[in-house]
Amino acid sequence: MRVKISYGTDIKNVPSIATKLGDNAVDEIKTALNILHRAIECIDDCNEDYSLVLEQLAGVSEKLKQADLAMEDIHAILVGLNNYYIGENNVPNRRPTVDPGGNPANPQPEQ
């Protein structure tokens, strides 16, 4: 199950968080590729029982789904970051992209 978690961090930490998510996605893709290579190598050796190959292919699919979800997260994070840097000045009456007060218990009044 996938859950959405939201938390605050300093704006300067956002690129490194996105990078870590990207590194995780790359690791998932590398693992998927290794499993796929093994699955393909097993096809000729299966003697008409392809259950192992099918299991491996399901694993590949799951790893690729995880990588895809991570890339969606990275995209959303970078859209928000990009909006912060180039879009905030164009929409001064809108709710800010980031919490200017830094503390949800003490929200800042909108301007």
Protein backbone atom coordinates (compact mmCIF):
# COMPACT_ATOMS: atom_id res chain seq x y z
CA MET A 1 0.00 0.00 0.00
CA ARG A 2 1.20 3.46 -0.82
CA VAL A 3 0.58 6.36 1.54
CA LYS A 4 1.20 10.05 1.07
CA ILE A 5 3.41 11.57 3.75
CA SER A 6 3.80 15.29 4.09
CA TYR A 7 6.40 17.04 6.21
CA GLY A 8 8.26 20.30 6.27
CA THR A 9 11.91 20.84 5.53
CA ASP A 10 14.13 23.77 4.73
CA ILE A 11 13.86 24.73 1.07
CA LYS A 12 17.61 24.19 0.60
CA ASN A 13 17.17 20.49 1.54
CA VAL A 14 14.60 19.80 -1.17
CA PRO A 15 17.08 19.07 -4.01
CA SER A 16 18.96 16.51 -1.90
CA ILE A 17 15.68 14.81 -0.93
CA ALA A 18 14.72 14.61 -4.61
CA THR A 19 18.17 13.26 -5.44
CA LYS A 20 17.86 10.51 -2.81
CA LEU A 21 14.50 9.51 -4.26
CA GLY A 22 16.11 9.47 -7.71
CA ASP A 23 18.95 7.29 -6.47
CA ASN A 24 16.40 4.86 -5.04
CA ALA A 25 14.56 4.77 -8.39
CA VAL A 26 17.83 4.04 -10.21
CA ASP A 27 18.56 1.20 -7.76
CA GLU A 28 15.08 -0.28 -8.38
CA ILE A 29 15.64 -0.12 -12.15
CA LYS A 30 19.09 -1.74 -11.88
CA THR A 31 17.64 -4.53 -9.74
CA ALA A 32 14.80 -5.00 -12.22
CA LEU A 33 17.28 -5.23 -15.08
CA ASN A 34 19.35 -7.86 -13.26
CA ILE A 35 16.25 -9.93 -12.50
CA LEU A 36 15.11 -9.61 -16.12
CA HIS A 37 18.48 -10.85 -17.39
CA ARG A 38 18.26 -13.88 -15.09
CA ALA A 39 14.68 -14.57 -16.18
CA ILE A 40 15.61 -14.49 -19.85
CA GLU A 41 18.55 -16.83 -19.22
CA CYS A 42 16.19 -19.26 -17.47
CA ILE A 43 13.70 -19.52 -20.35
CA ASP A 44 15.66 -22.16 -22.28
CA ASP A 45 16.38 -24.17 -19.13
CA CYS A 46 12.83 -24.41 -17.82
CA ASN A 47 11.86 -27.76 -19.33
CA GLU A 48 8.28 -26.63 -19.93
CA ASP A 49 7.84 -25.28 -16.36
CA TYR A 50 8.03 -21.53 -16.57
CA SER A 51 6.82 -20.76 -13.06
CA LEU A 52 10.24 -19.44 -11.96
CA VAL A 53 10.47 -17.16 -15.00
CA LEU A 54 6.93 -15.92 -14.39
CA GLU A 55 7.79 -15.18 -10.77
CA GLN A 56 10.91 -13.33 -11.83
CA LEU A 57 8.98 -11.30 -14.40
CA ALA A 58 6.43 -10.34 -11.75
CA GLY A 59 9.35 -9.14 -9.61
CA VAL A 60 10.67 -7.07 -12.51
CA SER A 61 7.27 -5.49 -12.97
CA GLU A 62 7.02 -4.64 -9.26
CA LYS A 63 10.49 -3.04 -9.22
CA LEU A 64 9.62 -0.94 -12.27
CA LYS A 65 6.36 0.16 -10.66
CA GLN A 66 8.26 1.28 -7.56
CA ALA A 67 10.73 3.21 -9.71
CA ASP A 68 7.86 4.83 -11.61
CA LEU A 69 6.18 5.91 -8.38
CA ALA A 70 9.47 7.40 -7.16
CA MET A 71 9.81 9.32 -10.42
CA GLU A 72 6.28 10.68 -10.00
CA ASP A 73 7.24 11.85 -6.50
CA ILE A 74 10.41 13.48 -7.80
CA HIS A 75 8.43 15.22 -10.51
CA ALA A 76 5.90 16.59 -8.00
CA ILE A 77 8.66 17.77 -5.67
CA LEU A 78 10.55 19.52 -8.45
CA VAL A 79 7.38 21.13 -9.82
CA GLY A 80 6.77 22.59 -6.38
CA LEU A 81 10.39 23.69 -6.04
CA ASN A 82 10.36 25.22 -9.50
CA ASN A 83 7.12 27.04 -8.72
CA TYR A 84 8.70 28.37 -5.55
CA TYR A 85 11.71 29.76 -7.38
CA ILE A 86 10.07 31.13 -10.53
CA GLY A 87 6.34 31.14 -9.93
CA GLU A 88 5.77 32.73 -6.54
CA ASN A 89 6.54 36.21 -7.78
CA ASN A 90 3.88 35.90 -10.47
CA VAL A 91 1.02 35.00 -8.10
CA PRO A 92 1.33 37.17 -4.95
CA ASN A 93 -2.32 36.73 -3.87
CA ARG A 94 -2.25 32.95 -3.94
CA ARG A 95 -1.39 30.68 -1.01
CA PRO A 96 2.39 30.28 -0.88
CA THR A 97 3.97 27.06 -2.13
CA VAL A 98 5.85 26.65 1.14
CA ASP A 99 4.88 27.41 4.71
CA PRO A 100 6.47 30.81 5.41
CA GLY A 101 6.15 30.34 9.18
CA GLY A 102 7.71 26.90 9.19
CA ASN A 103 5.37 25.78 11.98
CA PRO A 104 1.86 24.46 11.22
CA ALA A 105 0.82 25.24 14.79
CA ASN A 106 1.49 28.94 14.15
CA PRO A 107 0.22 29.62 10.61
CA GLN A 108 1.05 33.00 9.13
CA PRO A 109 -1.82 35.18 7.91
CA GLU A 110 -2.15 35.38 4.15
CA GLN A 111 -1.18 38.68 2.59
